[in-house]
Each structure stands twice: as C-alpha cells, then as structure tokens.
C-alpha cells in the first residue's frame, strides 16, 4: 500500500493530508501547524496532560459554544474561585503567602483554556472586567472559606484553613506556601 506524502504543493498552498480521513486541509487554515520546507507538520492542540484532562472533563460534561459566556465554563470559574480563596487566606494570615509566579501561570492557564474552547480575547476581557461576575465569584469564595472554618476577623482560623489546604495539596494549597 502506497502512503500519501505528508504535504503536497498545489498553487503555492501547502496541503496537509489527514491520514485518518484521507482529506486535505489548507495550510492557511491550520493555526497549529508548522511548515518545514515543503512539509507541514500539525502540532498537538494541547501541549500538556493538564490541558488534555481538562478538555476531556469539559467535553464529557459540557458543550460550550464559542458564543456562550465564559462564566458558564465550570473549570474556569472554579479555578478563579480557588485562586480567590488563596488570595483571601494570604491577606488574612501572616503565616502563609501566595506563590505569585505559580498563581500567575495558573490564571494564564485558565485564560488559555478559554481560548482553546474558542473564546476570543474580547470575550475573555469582558468576562474579567465584569464587576457583577467578580462579586458573585468572591461571594462564593468567601462562603466556601466559611464552610471550611474561617471566621471573619480571626486570623488563626484563616491560618488553620491555609495550613490544611497546603497539607491536603488542594488546588488552593498549591497556590500557597
């Protein structure tokens, strides 16, 4: 059986042949491809296990069209809530601090996840700048902290919850040291 070439030149456009469907895709429409000489190699869309797992989970439970509100993406809202909880613990307990670089990378990962789902930068920025959504997520974060045992104004309860989250290696604990 003769296998097709990975890419062929046709009218100065490269075509990528998909071996599963035996269909050709225009190189100009592939955003995740790299051209090496006359060949076009398709890069994997998700580069880490974390992104692959999150996409699988979302794919199993949600069908999120690109026109939907990013606030409906549970993976992202839960991540923002957890990050907010970590910041709240840091603000009220002198014994712990937020891992800033890890936190920034975590938030960039959430933004990247939304882009992978098809949201535009304008959609994401509108979501980030939405004060009502911020207030809603902060209220959820504070309620969850309360459920974990935090008492507003009592630093020792914030520290106890922070140490517990770190010890349990939760997403919140991973953002603290």
C-alpha atoms as a PDB file:
ATOM      1  CA  UNK A   1       0.000   0.000   0.000  1.00  0.00           C
ATOM      2  CA  UNK A   2       1.416   3.338  -1.018  1.00  0.00           C
ATOM      3  CA  UNK A   3       1.143   6.046   1.650  1.00  0.00           C
ATOM      4  CA  UNK A   4       0.423   9.636   0.626  1.00  0.00           C
ATOM      5  CA  UNK A   5       3.048  12.322   1.108  1.00  0.00           C
ATOM      6  CA  UNK A   6       2.640  14.380   4.307  1.00  0.00           C
ATOM      7  CA  UNK A   7       2.218  17.560   2.281  1.00  0.00           C
ATOM      8  CA  UNK A   8       1.956  18.491  -1.362  1.00  0.00           C
ATOM      9  CA  UNK A   9       2.478  21.853  -3.039  1.00  0.00           C
ATOM     10  CA  UNK A  10      -0.517  22.998  -5.005  1.00  0.00           C
ATOM     11  CA  UNK A  11      -0.901  26.539  -6.338  1.00  0.00           C
ATOM     12  CA  UNK A  12       1.641  27.808  -3.785  1.00  0.00           C
ATOM     13  CA  UNK A  13      -0.519  26.471  -0.928  1.00  0.00           C
ATOM     14  CA  UNK A  14       0.526  23.518   1.146  1.00  0.00           C
ATOM     15  CA  UNK A  15      -1.994  20.848   1.906  1.00  0.00           C
ATOM     16  CA  UNK A  16      -1.856  18.669   4.980  1.00  0.00           C
ATOM     17  CA  UNK A  17      -3.170  15.204   4.417  1.00  0.00           C
ATOM     18  CA  UNK A  18      -5.040  13.726   7.321  1.00  0.00           C
ATOM     19  CA  UNK A  19      -4.271  10.014   7.392  1.00  0.00           C
ATOM     20  CA  UNK A  20      -7.468   9.124   9.279  1.00  0.00           C
ATOM     21  CA  UNK A  21      -9.945  10.815   6.971  1.00  0.00           C
ATOM     22  CA  UNK A  22      -7.766  10.962   3.886  1.00  0.00           C
ATOM     23  CA  UNK A  23      -8.849  14.566   3.482  1.00  0.00           C
ATOM     24  CA  UNK A  24      -6.679  17.543   2.715  1.00  0.00           C
ATOM     25  CA  UNK A  25      -6.700  20.702   4.806  1.00  0.00           C
ATOM     26  CA  UNK A  26      -5.370  24.012   3.595  1.00  0.00           C
ATOM     27  CA  UNK A  27      -2.216  25.051   5.445  1.00  0.00           C
ATOM     28  CA  UNK A  28      -3.530  28.595   5.661  1.00  0.00           C
ATOM     29  CA  UNK A  29      -6.430  27.371   7.824  1.00  0.00           C
ATOM     30  CA  UNK A  30      -4.197  25.442  10.218  1.00  0.00           C
ATOM     31  CA  UNK A  31      -3.188  27.636  13.126  1.00  0.00           C
ATOM     32  CA  UNK A  32      -1.444  24.833  14.946  1.00  0.00           C
ATOM     33  CA  UNK A  33       0.833  23.706  12.126  1.00  0.00           C
ATOM     34  CA  UNK A  34       4.447  24.423  11.391  1.00  0.00           C
ATOM     35  CA  UNK A  35       5.961  24.446   7.923  1.00  0.00           C
ATOM     36  CA  UNK A  36       9.340  22.784   7.439  1.00  0.00           C
ATOM     37  CA  UNK A  37      10.466  23.107   3.856  1.00  0.00           C
ATOM     38  CA  UNK A  38       7.771  21.552   1.703  1.00  0.00           C
ATOM     39  CA  UNK A  39       6.251  19.636   4.614  1.00  0.00           C
ATOM     40  CA  UNK A  40       3.575  20.791   7.030  1.00  0.00           C
ATOM     41  CA  UNK A  41       3.520  19.213  10.448  1.00  0.00           C
ATOM     42  CA  UNK A  42       0.481  19.551  12.649  1.00  0.00           C
ATOM     43  CA  UNK A  43       1.246  20.372  16.273  1.00  0.00           C
ATOM     44  CA  UNK A  44      -0.903  18.883  19.000  1.00  0.00           C
ATOM     45  CA  UNK A  45      -3.509  21.417  20.123  1.00  0.00           C
ATOM     46  CA  UNK A  46      -2.949  20.764  23.814  1.00  0.00           C
ATOM     47  CA  UNK A  47       0.599  20.565  24.980  1.00  0.00           C
ATOM     48  CA  UNK A  48       0.244  19.245  28.493  1.00  0.00           C
ATOM     49  CA  UNK A  49      -1.564  16.493  30.327  1.00  0.00           C
ATOM     50  CA  UNK A  50      -3.367  19.112  32.434  1.00  0.00           C
ATOM     51  CA  UNK A  51      -4.909  20.709  29.352  1.00  0.00           C
ATOM     52  CA  UNK A  52      -5.793  17.336  27.873  1.00  0.00           C
ATOM     53  CA  UNK A  53      -7.520  16.190  31.051  1.00  0.00           C
ATOM     54  CA  UNK A  54      -9.400  19.446  31.479  1.00  0.00           C
ATOM     55  CA  UNK A  55     -10.621  19.265  27.880  1.00  0.00           C
ATOM     56  CA  UNK A  56     -11.745  15.673  28.362  1.00  0.00           C
ATOM     57  CA  UNK A  57     -13.652  16.569  31.514  1.00  0.00           C
ATOM     58  CA  UNK A  58     -15.275  19.558  29.874  1.00  0.00           C
ATOM     59  CA  UNK A  59     -16.079  17.562  26.779  1.00  0.00           C
ATOM     60  CA  UNK A  60     -17.772  14.908  28.862  1.00  0.00           C
ATOM     61  CA  UNK A  61     -19.965  17.299  30.827  1.00  0.00           C
ATOM     62  CA  UNK A  62     -20.381  20.426  28.744  1.00  0.00           C
ATOM     63  CA  UNK A  63     -20.969  21.532  25.210  1.00  0.00           C
ATOM     64  CA  UNK A  64     -19.756  25.124  25.277  1.00  0.00           C
ATOM     65  CA  UNK A  65     -20.178  27.025  22.035  1.00  0.00           C
ATOM     66  CA  UNK A  66     -17.864  29.960  21.378  1.00  0.00           C
ATOM     67  CA  UNK A  67     -20.754  32.411  21.727  1.00  0.00           C
ATOM     68  CA  UNK A  68     -21.547  31.310  25.302  1.00  0.00           C
ATOM     69  CA  UNK A  69     -20.483  33.243  28.366  1.00  0.00           C
ATOM     70  CA  UNK A  70     -17.080  32.231  29.807  1.00  0.00           C
ATOM     71  CA  UNK A  71     -18.760  32.382  33.239  1.00  0.00           C
ATOM     72  CA  UNK A  72     -20.513  29.136  32.277  1.00  0.00           C
ATOM     73  CA  UNK A  73     -17.225  27.225  31.992  1.00  0.00           C
ATOM     74  CA  UNK A  74     -17.084  25.482  35.361  1.00  0.00           C
ATOM     75  CA  UNK A  75     -13.400  24.583  35.094  1.00  0.00           C
ATOM     76  CA  UNK A  76     -12.510  28.267  34.749  1.00  0.00           C
ATOM     77  CA  UNK A  77     -14.902  29.646  37.364  1.00  0.00           C
ATOM     78  CA  UNK A  78     -13.814  27.019  39.883  1.00  0.00           C
ATOM     79  CA  UNK A  79     -10.188  27.916  39.182  1.00  0.00           C
ATOM     80  CA  UNK A  80     -10.893  31.608  39.733  1.00  0.00           C
ATOM     81  CA  UNK A  81     -12.774  30.841  42.955  1.00  0.00           C
ATOM     82  CA  UNK A  82      -9.866  28.734  44.225  1.00  0.00           C
ATOM     83  CA  UNK A  83      -7.362  31.449  43.326  1.00  0.00           C
ATOM     84  CA  UNK A  84      -9.527  33.996  45.138  1.00  0.00           C
ATOM     85  CA  UNK A  85      -9.653  31.770  48.203  1.00  0.00           C
ATOM     86  CA  UNK A  86      -5.853  31.515  48.197  1.00  0.00           C
ATOM     87  CA  UNK A  87      -5.526  35.306  47.991  1.00  0.00           C
ATOM     88  CA  UNK A  88      -8.044  35.759  50.821  1.00  0.00           C
ATOM     89  CA  UNK A  89      -6.089  33.316  53.001  1.00  0.00           C
ATOM     90  CA  UNK A  90      -2.861  35.161  52.191  1.00  0.00           C
ATOM     91  CA  UNK A  91      -4.419  38.538  53.023  1.00  0.00           C
ATOM     92  CA  UNK A  92      -5.612  37.390  56.452  1.00  0.00           C
ATOM     93  CA  UNK A  93      -2.850  35.040  57.608  1.00  0.00           C
ATOM     94  CA  UNK A  94       0.734  36.221  58.046  1.00  0.00           C
ATOM     95  CA  UNK A  95       1.998  32.631  58.187  1.00  0.00           C
ATOM     96  CA  UNK A  96       1.299  31.888  54.502  1.00  0.00           C
ATOM     97  CA  UNK A  97       1.780  33.696  51.225  1.00  0.00           C
ATOM     98  CA  UNK A  98       0.590  33.283  47.663  1.00  0.00           C
ATOM     99  CA  UNK A  99       3.055  31.783  45.212  1.00  0.00           C
ATOM    100  CA  UNK A 100       2.882  34.675  42.777  1.00  0.00           C
ATOM    101  CA  UNK A 101       4.531  33.082  39.739  1.00  0.00           C
ATOM    102  CA  UNK A 102       2.593  29.853  40.176  1.00  0.00           C
ATOM    103  CA  UNK A 103      -0.600  31.870  40.622  1.00  0.00           C
ATOM    104  CA  UNK A 104       0.005  33.945  37.510  1.00  0.00           C
ATOM    105  CA  UNK A 105       0.792  30.817  35.492  1.00  0.00           C
ATOM    106  CA  UNK A 106      -2.368  29.191  36.838  1.00  0.00           C
ATOM    107  CA  UNK A 107      -4.517  32.165  35.788  1.00  0.00           C
ATOM    108  CA  UNK A 108      -2.824  32.298  32.364  1.00  0.00           C
ATOM    109  CA  UNK A 109      -3.655  28.606  32.014  1.00  0.00           C
ATOM    110  CA  UNK A 110      -7.325  29.365  32.667  1.00  0.00           C
ATOM    111  CA  UNK A 111      -7.240  32.104  30.042  1.00  0.00           C
ATOM    112  CA  UNK A 112      -5.522  29.760  27.594  1.00  0.00           C
ATOM    113  CA  UNK A 113      -8.157  27.137  28.314  1.00  0.00           C
ATOM    114  CA  UNK A 114     -10.889  29.591  27.345  1.00  0.00           C
ATOM    115  CA  UNK A 115      -9.017  30.411  24.128  1.00  0.00           C
ATOM    116  CA  UNK A 116      -8.790  26.688  23.349  1.00  0.00           C
ATOM    117  CA  UNK A 117     -12.560  26.481  23.749  1.00  0.00           C
ATOM    118  CA  UNK A 118     -12.958  29.183  21.112  1.00  0.00           C
ATOM    119  CA  UNK A 119     -13.459  32.323  23.175  1.00  0.00           C
ATOM    120  CA  UNK A 120     -11.936  35.495  21.763  1.00  0.00           C
ATOM    121  CA  UNK A 121      -9.664  37.782  23.774  1.00  0.00           C
ATOM    122  CA  UNK A 122     -12.507  40.329  23.758  1.00  0.00           C
ATOM    123  CA  UNK A 123     -14.888  37.745  25.307  1.00  0.00           C
ATOM    124  CA  UNK A 124     -12.312  36.861  27.951  1.00  0.00           C
ATOM    125  CA  UNK A 125     -11.523  40.507  28.746  1.00  0.00           C
ATOM    126  CA  UNK A 126     -15.239  41.298  29.065  1.00  0.00           C
ATOM    127  CA  UNK A 127     -15.581  38.383  31.496  1.00  0.00           C
ATOM    128  CA  UNK A 128     -12.559  39.537  33.531  1.00  0.00           C
ATOM    129  CA  UNK A 129     -13.822  43.137  33.676  1.00  0.00           C
ATOM    130  CA  UNK A 130     -17.394  42.198  34.661  1.00  0.00           C
ATOM    131  CA  UNK A 131     -17.833  43.597  38.190  1.00  0.00           C
ATOM    132  CA  UNK A 132     -21.047  41.665  38.851  1.00  0.00           C
ATOM    133  CA  UNK A 133     -19.290  38.401  37.985  1.00  0.00           C
ATOM    134  CA  UNK A 134     -16.334  39.328  40.227  1.00  0.00           C
ATOM    135  CA  UNK A 135     -18.706  39.991  43.120  1.00  0.00           C
ATOM    136  CA  UNK A 136     -20.511  36.686  42.517  1.00  0.00           C
ATOM    137  CA  UNK A 137     -17.284  34.666  42.465  1.00  0.00           C
ATOM    138  CA  UNK A 138     -15.889  36.481  45.541  1.00  0.00           C
ATOM    139  CA  UNK A 139     -19.085  35.717  47.461  1.00  0.00           C
ATOM    140  CA  UNK A 140     -18.781  32.034  46.543  1.00  0.00           C
ATOM    141  CA  UNK A 141     -15.109  32.015  47.617  1.00  0.00           C
ATOM    142  CA  UNK A 142     -15.890  33.645  50.973  1.00  0.00           C
ATOM    143  CA  UNK A 143     -18.777  31.241  51.582  1.00  0.00           C
ATOM    144  CA  UNK A 144     -16.531  28.255  50.868  1.00  0.00           C
ATOM    145  CA  UNK A 145     -13.894  29.614  53.229  1.00  0.00           C
ATOM    146  CA  UNK A 146     -16.585  29.985  55.868  1.00  0.00           C
ATOM    147  CA  UNK A 147     -17.677  26.389  55.230  1.00  0.00           C
ATOM    148  CA  UNK A 148     -14.043  25.318  55.776  1.00  0.00           C
ATOM    149  CA  UNK A 149     -13.985  27.023  59.173  1.00  0.00           C
ATOM    150  CA  UNK A 150     -12.825  30.585  58.523  1.00  0.00           C
ATOM    151  CA  UNK A 151     -14.235  33.180  60.898  1.00  0.00           C
ATOM    152  CA  UNK A 152     -14.020  36.733  59.561  1.00  0.00           C
ATOM    153  CA  UNK A 153     -11.629  38.775  61.731  1.00  0.00           C
ATOM    154  CA  UNK A 154      -9.969  35.718  63.332  1.00  0.00           C
ATOM    155  CA  UNK A 155      -6.545  35.289  61.696  1.00  0.00           C
ATOM    156  CA  UNK A 156      -5.954  31.939  63.386  1.00  0.00           C
ATOM    157  CA  UNK A 157      -8.889  30.388  61.513  1.00  0.00           C
ATOM    158  CA  UNK A 158      -7.527  31.655  58.178  1.00  0.00           C
ATOM    159  CA  UNK A 159      -4.128  30.174  59.045  1.00  0.00           C
ATOM    160  CA  UNK A 160      -5.635  26.841  60.096  1.00  0.00           C
ATOM    161  CA  UNK A 161      -7.572  26.562  56.834  1.00  0.00           C
ATOM    162  CA  UNK A 162      -4.498  27.615  54.811  1.00  0.00           C
ATOM    163  CA  UNK A 163      -2.282  25.017  56.502  1.00  0.00           C
ATOM    164  CA  UNK A 164      -4.968  22.382  55.935  1.00  0.00           C
ATOM    165  CA  UNK A 165      -5.223  23.216  52.239  1.00  0.00           C
ATOM    166  CA  UNK A 166      -1.432  23.073  51.880  1.00  0.00           C
ATOM    167  CA  UNK A 167      -1.273  19.736  53.737  1.00  0.00           C
ATOM    168  CA  UNK A 168      -4.056  18.265  51.581  1.00  0.00           C
ATOM    169  CA  UNK A 169      -2.297  19.527  48.429  1.00  0.00           C
ATOM    170  CA  UNK A 170      -5.516  21.015  47.069  1.00  0.00           C
ATOM    171  CA  UNK A 171      -5.538  23.488  44.216  1.00  0.00           C
ATOM    172  CA  UNK A 172      -5.797  26.245  46.829  1.00  0.00           C
ATOM    173  CA  UNK A 173      -2.907  24.768  48.810  1.00  0.00           C
ATOM    174  CA  UNK A 174      -0.745  24.555  45.706  1.00  0.00           C
ATOM    175  CA  UNK A 175      -1.102  28.317  45.280  1.00  0.00           C
ATOM    176  CA  UNK A 176       0.146  28.932  48.842  1.00  0.00           C
ATOM    177  CA  UNK A 177       3.411  28.400  50.693  1.00  0.00           C
END
